[in-house]
Amino acid sequence: MIMNYQRNRRTREYEYKVVGTWNSGLQVNHSDIIWAGDTKDVPRSRCSDPCQEGEIKNMQKGEQCCWICTRCNPWEYIKDEKTCEPCETGLWPYPNKTGCFSLEVQHMTWTDLHAVIPMALSALGIMATSFVIALFVMFNSTPVVMASGRELSYMLLGGCVFCYFNTFVLLAPPSPVICAIQRFGVGFGFSVVYSSLLIKTNRISRIFESARRSAKRPPFISPKSQIIMTLVLILIQPPVIVVVVGVVVVVVVVVVAILIIVILDDLEEYSSAELQLFLH
């Protein structure tokens, strides 16, 4: 006879119950068998369950057939059934962890709100400055324009327009050429503006200072002299920029910044070292 040790439902005491016989063959009444846990569900005869998607087999010491399923980190993919590997920089694992895909390279575009506002202001500045230049051209020979130092005024206004155009260069898609133009353009535009202002202010100061001492006209206040001195100051910057660009190679660097949302209930699955790497 085949006996099953189980609880008697009437007396609530454990006893052996006949559930089958062996008489020229096996005969078992499966409905009478009570398994561990007081259940009639037949237990599965296996050491470990198959791992779910995104998990690897963590083999136990001394075991060849038993394992613990371990989930890969969010930034890792499954190299084989026992190994998780981190994706390379700029890559992220597929949802099923079978490999990595390239992250989309994002940069500010001319259609972004943060770009539209400065471009609109720059366009307004270009139109306003162009309007002033047009007025200077229309009244180029009038005493007011001539007394203002029209040559330096043209250079000053041209530098302002150049600075406004730099806004569009700064917002252009990054490339080695664009980066080199940005390095040159930003400094060069301000060099034109400040050099013109410096020479213009110096000219006025020397004229009034000389008038207090004598009626003699101070040297180097002619338009030609003013333009030459301004160009000397402006042309100091381009060689410096060329040297800097030649020494420091202009490259486009892709910065990988990934925001990972951690569910608080899952934090206990990671060690403190893993959490520090995970959150940083």
C-alpha atoms as a PDB file:
ATOM      1  CA  MET A   1       0.000   0.000   0.000  1.00  0.00           C
ATOM      2  CA  ILE A   2       1.015   3.584  -0.584  1.00  0.00           C
ATOM      3  CA  MET A   3       0.411   5.813   2.442  1.00  0.00           C
ATOM      4  CA  ASN A   4       0.156   9.606   2.716  1.00  0.00           C
ATOM      5  CA  TYR A   5       0.716  11.324   6.050  1.00  0.00           C
ATOM      6  CA  GLN A   6      -1.971  14.001   6.334  1.00  0.00           C
ATOM      7  CA  ARG A   7      -4.334  15.734   8.721  1.00  0.00           C
ATOM      8  CA  ASN A   8      -7.689  14.093   9.342  1.00  0.00           C
ATOM      9  CA  ARG A   9     -10.292  16.724   8.565  1.00  0.00           C
ATOM     10  CA  ARG A  10     -12.666  15.433  11.259  1.00  0.00           C
ATOM     11  CA  THR A  11     -10.311  14.786  14.163  1.00  0.00           C
ATOM     12  CA  ARG A  12      -7.756  17.433  13.062  1.00  0.00           C
ATOM     13  CA  GLU A  13      -4.993  14.963  13.897  1.00  0.00           C
ATOM     14  CA  TYR A  14      -2.270  13.703  11.574  1.00  0.00           C
ATOM     15  CA  GLU A  15      -2.478  10.105  10.444  1.00  0.00           C
ATOM     16  CA  TYR A  16      -1.541   7.880   7.530  1.00  0.00           C
ATOM     17  CA  LYS A  17      -4.074   7.407   4.775  1.00  0.00           C
ATOM     18  CA  VAL A  18      -4.004   4.869   1.957  1.00  0.00           C
ATOM     19  CA  VAL A  19      -3.804   6.714  -1.358  1.00  0.00           C
ATOM     20  CA  GLY A  20      -2.667   3.885  -3.640  1.00  0.00           C
ATOM     21  CA  THR A  21      -1.513   0.342  -4.066  1.00  0.00           C
ATOM     22  CA  TRP A  22       1.070  -1.631  -5.938  1.00  0.00           C
ATOM     23  CA  ASN A  23      -0.396  -4.839  -7.255  1.00  0.00           C
ATOM     24  CA  SER A  24       1.101  -5.846 -10.569  1.00  0.00           C
ATOM     25  CA  GLY A  25       1.055  -2.142 -11.307  1.00  0.00           C
ATOM     26  CA  LEU A  26       0.914   1.287  -9.713  1.00  0.00           C
ATOM     27  CA  GLN A  27      -2.482   2.605  -8.774  1.00  0.00           C
ATOM     28  CA  VAL A  28      -2.611   6.040  -7.104  1.00  0.00           C
ATOM     29  CA  ASN A  29      -5.621   8.134  -6.212  1.00  0.00           C
ATOM     30  CA  HIS A  30      -4.094  11.564  -6.742  1.00  0.00           C
ATOM     31  CA  SER A  31      -7.148  13.385  -5.395  1.00  0.00           C
ATOM     32  CA  ASP A  32      -6.519  11.897  -1.932  1.00  0.00           C
ATOM     33  CA  ILE A  33      -2.907  13.055  -1.703  1.00  0.00           C
ATOM     34  CA  ILE A  34      -2.244  16.093   0.497  1.00  0.00           C
ATOM     35  CA  TRP A  35       1.100  17.776  -0.193  1.00  0.00           C
ATOM     36  CA  ALA A  36       3.215  19.963   2.079  1.00  0.00           C
ATOM     37  CA  GLY A  37       1.429  23.155   2.984  1.00  0.00           C
ATOM     38  CA  ASP A  38      -1.899  21.323   3.228  1.00  0.00           C
ATOM     39  CA  THR A  39      -2.525  21.678  -0.503  1.00  0.00           C
ATOM     40  CA  LYS A  40      -3.486  19.306  -3.276  1.00  0.00           C
ATOM     41  CA  ASP A  41      -1.372  21.178  -5.844  1.00  0.00           C
ATOM     42  CA  VAL A  42       1.451  18.948  -7.013  1.00  0.00           C
ATOM     43  CA  PRO A  43       4.801  20.667  -6.267  1.00  0.00           C
ATOM     44  CA  ARG A  44       7.167  21.243  -9.140  1.00  0.00           C
ATOM     45  CA  SER A  45      10.243  19.093  -9.060  1.00  0.00           C
ATOM     46  CA  ARG A  46      12.845  21.690  -9.935  1.00  0.00           C
ATOM     47  CA  CYS A  47      15.609  23.532  -8.134  1.00  0.00           C
ATOM     48  CA  SER A  48      15.127  26.955  -9.731  1.00  0.00           C
ATOM     49  CA  ASP A  49      12.546  28.619 -11.941  1.00  0.00           C
ATOM     50  CA  PRO A  50      13.532  30.089 -15.315  1.00  0.00           C
ATOM     51  CA  CYS A  51      14.615  33.722 -15.055  1.00  0.00           C
ATOM     52  CA  GLN A  52      12.330  36.483 -16.255  1.00  0.00           C
ATOM     53  CA  GLU A  53      13.136  39.070 -18.910  1.00  0.00           C
ATOM     54  CA  GLY A  54      16.009  41.305 -17.823  1.00  0.00           C
ATOM     55  CA  GLU A  55      17.359  38.781 -15.290  1.00  0.00           C
ATOM     56  CA  ILE A  56      20.452  36.574 -15.245  1.00  0.00           C
ATOM     57  CA  LYS A  57      21.285  33.334 -13.456  1.00  0.00           C
ATOM     58  CA  ASN A  58      23.349  33.872 -10.322  1.00  0.00           C
ATOM     59  CA  MET A  59      24.785  30.409  -9.710  1.00  0.00           C
ATOM     60  CA  GLN A  60      25.213  29.335  -6.101  1.00  0.00           C
ATOM     61  CA  LYS A  61      28.461  27.926  -4.744  1.00  0.00           C
ATOM     62  CA  GLY A  62      28.748  24.211  -5.215  1.00  0.00           C
ATOM     63  CA  GLU A  63      25.580  24.074  -7.315  1.00  0.00           C
ATOM     64  CA  GLN A  64      25.469  23.206 -10.991  1.00  0.00           C
ATOM     65  CA  CYS A  65      21.729  23.220 -11.561  1.00  0.00           C
ATOM     66  CA  CYS A  66      20.384  25.750  -9.048  1.00  0.00           C
ATOM     67  CA  TRP A  67      20.544  29.522  -9.318  1.00  0.00           C
ATOM     68  CA  ILE A  68      19.013  32.759  -8.083  1.00  0.00           C
ATOM     69  CA  CYS A  69      17.582  35.102 -10.697  1.00  0.00           C
ATOM     70  CA  THR A  70      19.176  38.554 -10.420  1.00  0.00           C
ATOM     71  CA  ARG A  71      17.918  41.651 -12.203  1.00  0.00           C
ATOM     72  CA  CYS A  72      20.415  43.653 -14.256  1.00  0.00           C
ATOM     73  CA  ASN A  73      20.906  47.325 -13.418  1.00  0.00           C
ATOM     74  CA  PRO A  74      18.953  49.807 -15.579  1.00  0.00           C
ATOM     75  CA  TRP A  75      22.110  50.784 -17.513  1.00  0.00           C
ATOM     76  CA  GLU A  76      23.190  47.162 -18.190  1.00  0.00           C
ATOM     77  CA  TYR A  77      22.294  44.630 -20.858  1.00  0.00           C
ATOM     78  CA  ILE A  78      22.437  40.824 -20.735  1.00  0.00           C
ATOM     79  CA  LYS A  79      25.704  39.662 -22.280  1.00  0.00           C
ATOM     80  CA  ASP A  80      24.890  36.002 -21.630  1.00  0.00           C
ATOM     81  CA  GLU A  81      22.582  34.126 -19.280  1.00  0.00           C
ATOM     82  CA  LYS A  82      24.999  34.647 -16.375  1.00  0.00           C
ATOM     83  CA  THR A  83      26.501  38.096 -17.052  1.00  0.00           C
ATOM     84  CA  CYS A  84      25.269  41.705 -17.112  1.00  0.00           C
ATOM     85  CA  GLU A  85      27.419  44.271 -18.914  1.00  0.00           C
ATOM     86  CA  PRO A  86      27.050  48.089 -18.815  1.00  0.00           C
ATOM     87  CA  CYS A  87      26.306  49.769 -22.126  1.00  0.00           C
ATOM     88  CA  GLU A  88      28.998  52.001 -23.570  1.00  0.00           C
ATOM     89  CA  THR A  89      28.800  55.772 -23.183  1.00  0.00           C
ATOM     90  CA  GLY A  90      25.989  57.166 -25.296  1.00  0.00           C
ATOM     91  CA  LEU A  91      24.123  53.842 -25.400  1.00  0.00           C
ATOM     92  CA  TRP A  92      21.164  52.520 -23.404  1.00  0.00           C
ATOM     93  CA  PRO A  93      19.774  48.965 -23.140  1.00  0.00           C
ATOM     94  CA  TYR A  94      16.633  47.841 -24.939  1.00  0.00           C
ATOM     95  CA  PRO A  95      13.638  47.064 -22.697  1.00  0.00           C
ATOM     96  CA  ASN A  96      14.337  43.323 -23.041  1.00  0.00           C
ATOM     97  CA  LYS A  97      18.039  43.883 -22.178  1.00  0.00           C
ATOM     98  CA  THR A  98      19.230  41.976 -25.260  1.00  0.00           C
ATOM     99  CA  GLY A  99      21.501  44.800 -26.423  1.00  0.00           C
ATOM    100  CA  CYS A 100      22.074  48.555 -26.453  1.00  0.00           C
ATOM    101  CA  PHE A 101      20.901  51.299 -28.776  1.00  0.00           C
ATOM    102  CA  SER A 102      22.323  54.759 -29.448  1.00  0.00           C
ATOM    103  CA  LEU A 103      20.736  57.582 -27.501  1.00  0.00           C
ATOM    104  CA  GLU A 104      19.432  60.484 -29.531  1.00  0.00           C
ATOM    105  CA  VAL A 105      21.874  63.393 -29.513  1.00  0.00           C
ATOM    106  CA  GLN A 106      19.922  66.442 -28.413  1.00  0.00           C
ATOM    107  CA  HIS A 107      20.958  70.056 -28.722  1.00  0.00           C
ATOM    108  CA  MET A 108      19.216  73.385 -28.718  1.00  0.00           C
ATOM    109  CA  THR A 109      17.509  74.088 -32.033  1.00  0.00           C
ATOM    110  CA  TRP A 110      16.283  77.322 -33.545  1.00  0.00           C
ATOM    111  CA  THR A 111      12.684  76.259 -32.909  1.00  0.00           C
ATOM    112  CA  ASP A 112      13.093  75.916 -29.117  1.00  0.00           C
ATOM    113  CA  LEU A 113      11.488  78.598 -26.983  1.00  0.00           C
ATOM    114  CA  HIS A 114      14.816  79.294 -25.276  1.00  0.00           C
ATOM    115  CA  ALA A 115      16.283  80.001 -28.726  1.00  0.00           C
ATOM    116  CA  VAL A 116      13.348  81.866 -30.272  1.00  0.00           C
ATOM    117  CA  ILE A 117      13.367  84.600 -27.609  1.00  0.00           C
ATOM    118  CA  PRO A 118      17.072  85.609 -27.954  1.00  0.00           C
ATOM    119  CA  MET A 119      16.845  85.308 -31.757  1.00  0.00           C
ATOM    120  CA  ALA A 120      13.813  87.599 -31.795  1.00  0.00           C
ATOM    121  CA  LEU A 121      15.638  90.137 -29.611  1.00  0.00           C
ATOM    122  CA  SER A 122      18.721  89.884 -31.837  1.00  0.00           C
ATOM    123  CA  ALA A 123      16.624  90.380 -34.966  1.00  0.00           C
ATOM    124  CA  LEU A 124      15.043  93.433 -33.349  1.00  0.00           C
ATOM    125  CA  GLY A 125      18.508  94.747 -32.478  1.00  0.00           C
ATOM    126  CA  ILE A 126      19.740  94.174 -36.047  1.00  0.00           C
ATOM    127  CA  MET A 127      16.767  96.067 -37.475  1.00  0.00           C
ATOM    128  CA  ALA A 128      17.181  98.951 -35.019  1.00  0.00           C
ATOM    129  CA  THR A 129      20.933  99.203 -35.654  1.00  0.00           C
ATOM    130  CA  SER A 130      20.410  98.966 -39.414  1.00  0.00           C
ATOM    131  CA  PHE A 131      17.891 101.796 -39.164  1.00  0.00           C
ATOM    132  CA  VAL A 132      20.473 103.966 -37.374  1.00  0.00           C
ATOM    133  CA  ILE A 133      23.093 103.100 -40.008  1.00  0.00           C
ATOM    134  CA  ALA A 134      20.623 104.070 -42.740  1.00  0.00           C
ATOM    135  CA  LEU A 135      20.039 107.430 -41.017  1.00  0.00           C
ATOM    136  CA  PHE A 136      23.797 108.023 -40.830  1.00  0.00           C
ATOM    137  CA  VAL A 137      24.120 107.245 -44.545  1.00  0.00           C
ATOM    138  CA  MET A 138      21.210 109.538 -45.442  1.00  0.00           C
ATOM    139  CA  PHE A 139      22.654 112.424 -43.429  1.00  0.00           C
ATOM    140  CA  ASN A 140      26.287 111.505 -43.928  1.00  0.00           C
ATOM    141  CA  SER A 141      27.447 115.032 -44.784  1.00  0.00           C
ATOM    142  CA  THR A 142      25.508 116.904 -42.123  1.00  0.00           C
ATOM    143  CA  PRO A 143      27.432 118.668 -39.329  1.00  0.00           C
ATOM    144  CA  VAL A 144      25.867 116.505 -36.615  1.00  0.00           C
ATOM    145  CA  VAL A 145      26.965 113.218 -38.212  1.00  0.00           C
ATOM    146  CA  MET A 146      30.410 114.554 -39.071  1.00  0.00           C
ATOM    147  CA  ALA A 147      30.919 115.908 -35.544  1.00  0.00           C
ATOM    148  CA  SER A 148      30.000 112.545 -34.035  1.00  0.00           C
ATOM    149  CA  GLY A 149      32.959 110.906 -35.746  1.00  0.00           C
ATOM    150  CA  ARG A 150      31.064 109.120 -38.480  1.00  0.00           C
ATOM    151  CA  GLU A 151      33.866 106.694 -39.375  1.00  0.00           C
ATOM    152  CA  LEU A 152      34.123 105.359 -35.830  1.00  0.00           C
ATOM    153  CA  SER A 153      30.336 105.456 -35.532  1.00  0.00           C
ATOM    154  CA  TYR A 154      30.042 103.215 -38.576  1.00  0.00           C
ATOM    155  CA  MET A 155      32.566 100.805 -37.063  1.00  0.00           C
ATOM    156  CA  LEU A 156      30.742 100.875 -33.732  1.00  0.00           C
ATOM    157  CA  LEU A 157      27.367 100.191 -35.344  1.00  0.00           C
ATOM    158  CA  GLY A 158      28.890  97.472 -37.525  1.00  0.00           C
ATOM    159  CA  GLY A 159      30.312  95.816 -34.408  1.00  0.00           C
ATOM    160  CA  CYS A 160      26.859  95.896 -32.806  1.00  0.00           C
ATOM    161  CA  VAL A 161      25.332  94.180 -35.841  1.00  0.00           C
ATOM    162  CA  PHE A 162      28.126  91.585 -35.743  1.00  0.00           C
ATOM    163  CA  CYS A 163      27.388  90.871 -32.062  1.00  0.00           C
ATOM    164  CA  TYR A 164      23.692  90.448 -32.806  1.00  0.00           C
ATOM    165  CA  PHE A 165      24.488  87.952 -35.575  1.00  0.00           C
ATOM    166  CA  ASN A 166      26.590  85.949 -33.116  1.00  0.00           C
ATOM    167  CA  THR A 167      23.359  84.928 -31.391  1.00  0.00           C
ATOM    168  CA  PHE A 168      22.402  82.816 -34.401  1.00  0.00           C
ATOM    169  CA  VAL A 169      25.867  81.241 -34.505  1.00  0.00           C
ATOM    170  CA  LEU A 170      25.708  80.365 -30.802  1.00  0.00           C
ATOM    171  CA  LEU A 171      22.363  78.625 -31.348  1.00  0.00           C
ATOM    172  CA  ALA A 172      23.448  76.752 -34.491  1.00  0.00           C
ATOM    173  CA  PRO A 173      23.852  72.931 -34.383  1.00  0.00           C
ATOM    174  CA  PRO A 174      27.300  72.197 -32.903  1.00  0.00           C
ATOM    175  CA  SER A 175      30.169  71.221 -35.183  1.00  0.00           C
ATOM    176  CA  PRO A 176      33.927  71.916 -35.190  1.00  0.00           C
ATOM    177  CA  VAL A 177      33.430  74.761 -37.697  1.00  0.00           C
ATOM    178  CA  ILE A 178      30.591  76.327 -35.690  1.00  0.00           C
ATOM    179  CA  CYS A 179      32.587  76.036 -32.455  1.00  0.00           C
ATOM    180  CA  ALA A 180      35.603  77.729 -34.074  1.00  0.00           C
ATOM    181  CA  ILE A 181      33.398  80.539 -35.421  1.00  0.00           C
ATOM    182  CA  GLN A 182      31.876  80.996 -31.972  1.00  0.00           C
ATOM    183  CA  ARG A 183      35.303  81.360 -30.373  1.00  0.00           C
ATOM    184  CA  PHE A 184      36.301  83.954 -32.923  1.00  0.00           C
ATOM    185  CA  GLY A 185      32.995  85.760 -33.401  1.00  0.00           C
ATOM    186  CA  VAL A 186      32.045  86.528 -29.802  1.00  0.00           C
ATOM    187  CA  GLY A 187      35.359  88.136 -28.923  1.00  0.00           C
ATOM    188  CA  PHE A 188      35.827  89.839 -32.293  1.00  0.00           C
ATOM    189  CA  GLY A 189      32.429  91.555 -32.168  1.00  0.00           C
ATOM    190  CA  PHE A 190      33.102  93.039 -28.753  1.00  0.00           C
ATOM    191  CA  SER A 191      36.621  94.014 -29.833  1.00  0.00           C
ATOM    192  CA  VAL A 192      35.163  96.118 -32.655  1.00  0.00           C
ATOM    193  CA  VAL A 193      32.628  97.751 -30.321  1.00  0.00           C
ATOM    194  CA  TYR A 194      34.985  98.500 -27.433  1.00  0.00           C
ATOM    195  CA  SER A 195      37.896  99.543 -29.650  1.00  0.00           C
ATOM    196  CA  SER A 196      35.669 102.042 -31.439  1.00  0.00           C
ATOM    197  CA  LEU A 197      34.325 103.360 -28.139  1.00  0.00           C
ATOM    198  CA  LEU A 198      37.813 103.638 -26.660  1.00  0.00           C
ATOM    199  CA  ILE A 199      39.291 105.576 -29.590  1.00  0.00           C
ATOM    200  CA  LYS A 200      36.160 107.702 -29.901  1.00  0.00           C
ATOM    201  CA  THR A 201      36.199 108.590 -26.191  1.00  0.00           C
ATOM    202  CA  ASN A 202      39.948 109.189 -26.256  1.00  0.00           C
ATOM    203  CA  ARG A 203      39.575 111.551 -29.233  1.00  0.00           C
ATOM    204  CA  ILE A 204      36.905 113.640 -27.497  1.00  0.00           C
ATOM    205  CA  SER A 205      38.882 113.701 -24.251  1.00  0.00           C
ATOM    206  CA  ARG A 206      42.073 114.852 -25.974  1.00  0.00           C
ATOM    207  CA  ILE A 207      40.222 117.557 -27.913  1.00  0.00           C
ATOM    208  CA  PHE A 208      38.704 119.084 -24.764  1.00  0.00           C
ATOM    209  CA  GLU A 209      41.896 118.652 -22.759  1.00  0.00           C
ATOM    210  CA  SER A 210      43.929 120.367 -25.491  1.00  0.00           C
ATOM    211  CA  ALA A 211      41.396 123.203 -25.821  1.00  0.00           C
ATOM    212  CA  ARG A 212      41.861 124.114 -22.162  1.00  0.00           C
ATOM    213  CA  ARG A 213      45.609 124.533 -22.586  1.00  0.00           C
ATOM    214  CA  SER A 214      45.907 126.035 -26.078  1.00  0.00           C
ATOM    215  CA  ALA A 215      44.161 126.503 -29.395  1.00  0.00           C
ATOM    216  CA  LYS A 216      46.523 124.059 -31.056  1.00  0.00           C
ATOM    217  CA  ARG A 217      44.840 121.029 -32.562  1.00  0.00           C
ATOM    218  CA  PRO A 218      45.912 117.767 -30.868  1.00  0.00           C
ATOM    219  CA  PRO A 219      47.630 115.146 -33.031  1.00  0.00           C
ATOM    220  CA  PHE A 220      46.028 111.963 -34.362  1.00  0.00           C
ATOM    221  CA  ILE A 221      42.408 113.120 -34.346  1.00  0.00           C
ATOM    222  CA  SER A 222      41.841 112.902 -38.082  1.00  0.00           C
ATOM    223  CA  PRO A 223      39.421 110.203 -39.342  1.00  0.00           C
ATOM    224  CA  LYS A 224      42.289 108.305 -40.935  1.00  0.00           C
ATOM    225  CA  SER A 225      44.292 108.262 -37.706  1.00  0.00           C
ATOM    226  CA  GLN A 226      41.253 107.179 -35.721  1.00  0.00           C
ATOM    227  CA  ILE A 227      40.535 104.286 -38.087  1.00  0.00           C
ATOM    228  CA  ILE A 228      44.154 103.096 -38.021  1.00  0.00           C
ATOM    229  CA  MET A 229      44.303 103.114 -34.207  1.00  0.00           C
ATOM    230  CA  THR A 230      40.982 101.301 -33.995  1.00  0.00           C
ATOM    231  CA  LEU A 231      42.105  98.649 -36.485  1.00  0.00           C
ATOM    232  CA  VAL A 232      45.325  98.128 -34.534  1.00  0.00           C
ATOM    233  CA  LEU A 233      43.324  97.392 -31.387  1.00  0.00           C
ATOM    234  CA  ILE A 234      40.849  95.178 -33.237  1.00  0.00           C
ATOM    235  CA  LEU A 235      43.518  93.151 -35.032  1.00  0.00           C
ATOM    236  CA  ILE A 236      45.185  92.168 -31.759  1.00  0.00           C
ATOM    237  CA  GLN A 237      42.523  89.536 -31.154  1.00  0.00           C
ATOM    238  CA  PRO A 238      42.494  87.434 -34.399  1.00  0.00           C
ATOM    239  CA  PRO A 239      46.114  86.195 -34.016  1.00  0.00           C
ATOM    240  CA  VAL A 240      45.408  85.297 -30.392  1.00  0.00           C
ATOM    241  CA  ILE A 241      42.292  83.347 -31.411  1.00  0.00           C
ATOM    242  CA  VAL A 242      44.217  81.562 -34.178  1.00  0.00           C
ATOM    243  CA  VAL A 243      46.903  80.523 -31.688  1.00  0.00           C
ATOM    244  CA  VAL A 244      44.323  79.358 -29.140  1.00  0.00           C
ATOM    245  CA  VAL A 245      42.377  77.362 -31.743  1.00  0.00           C
ATOM    246  CA  GLY A 246      45.638  75.864 -32.977  1.00  0.00           C
ATOM    247  CA  VAL A 247      46.742  74.822 -29.484  1.00  0.00           C
ATOM    248  CA  VAL A 248      43.343  73.740 -28.156  1.00  0.00           C
ATOM    249  CA  VAL A 249      41.766  71.435 -30.729  1.00  0.00           C
ATOM    250  CA  VAL A 250      38.131  72.295 -31.379  1.00  0.00           C
ATOM    251  CA  VAL A 251      35.957  69.200 -30.975  1.00  0.00           C
ATOM    252  CA  VAL A 252      32.279  68.552 -30.374  1.00  0.00           C
ATOM    253  CA  VAL A 253      31.793  66.710 -27.078  1.00  0.00           C
ATOM    254  CA  VAL A 254      28.624  64.696 -26.511  1.00  0.00           C
ATOM    255  CA  VAL A 255      27.625  64.939 -22.853  1.00  0.00           C
ATOM    256  CA  VAL A 256      25.552  61.977 -21.693  1.00  0.00           C
ATOM    257  CA  ALA A 257      23.043  63.086 -19.073  1.00  0.00           C
ATOM    258  CA  ILE A 258      20.419  60.468 -18.191  1.00  0.00           C
ATOM    259  CA  LEU A 259      17.668  61.028 -15.661  1.00  0.00           C
ATOM    260  CA  ILE A 260      16.818  57.790 -13.862  1.00  0.00           C
ATOM    261  CA  ILE A 261      13.709  57.583 -11.688  1.00  0.00           C
ATOM    262  CA  VAL A 262      14.158  55.137  -8.832  1.00  0.00           C
ATOM    263  CA  ILE A 263      11.079  53.591  -7.253  1.00  0.00           C
ATOM    264  CA  LEU A 264      11.546  53.768  -3.499  1.00  0.00           C
ATOM    265  CA  ASP A 265      10.155  50.282  -2.993  1.00  0.00           C
ATOM    266  CA  ASP A 266      13.007  48.859  -5.074  1.00  0.00           C
ATOM    267  CA  LEU A 267      15.843  50.611  -3.240  1.00  0.00           C
ATOM    268  CA  GLU A 268      16.327  47.701  -0.864  1.00  0.00           C
ATOM    269  CA  GLU A 269      17.406  45.539  -3.806  1.00  0.00           C
ATOM    270  CA  TYR A 270      20.596  47.571  -4.249  1.00  0.00           C
ATOM    271  CA  SER A 271      23.620  47.889  -2.010  1.00  0.00           C
ATOM    272  CA  SER A 272      24.798  51.310  -0.824  1.00  0.00           C
ATOM    273  CA  ALA A 273      27.662  51.296  -3.363  1.00  0.00           C
ATOM    274  CA  GLU A 274      25.266  50.451  -6.193  1.00  0.00           C
ATOM    275  CA  LEU A 275      22.891  53.211  -5.112  1.00  0.00           C
ATOM    276  CA  GLN A 276      25.681  55.799  -5.119  1.00  0.00           C
ATOM    277  CA  LEU A 277      26.621  54.822  -8.675  1.00  0.00           C
ATOM    278  CA  PHE A 278      22.940  54.669  -9.618  1.00  0.00           C
ATOM    279  CA  LEU A 279      22.088  58.136  -8.302  1.00  0.00           C
ATOM    280  CA  HIS A 280      25.229  59.890  -9.524  1.00  0.00           C
END
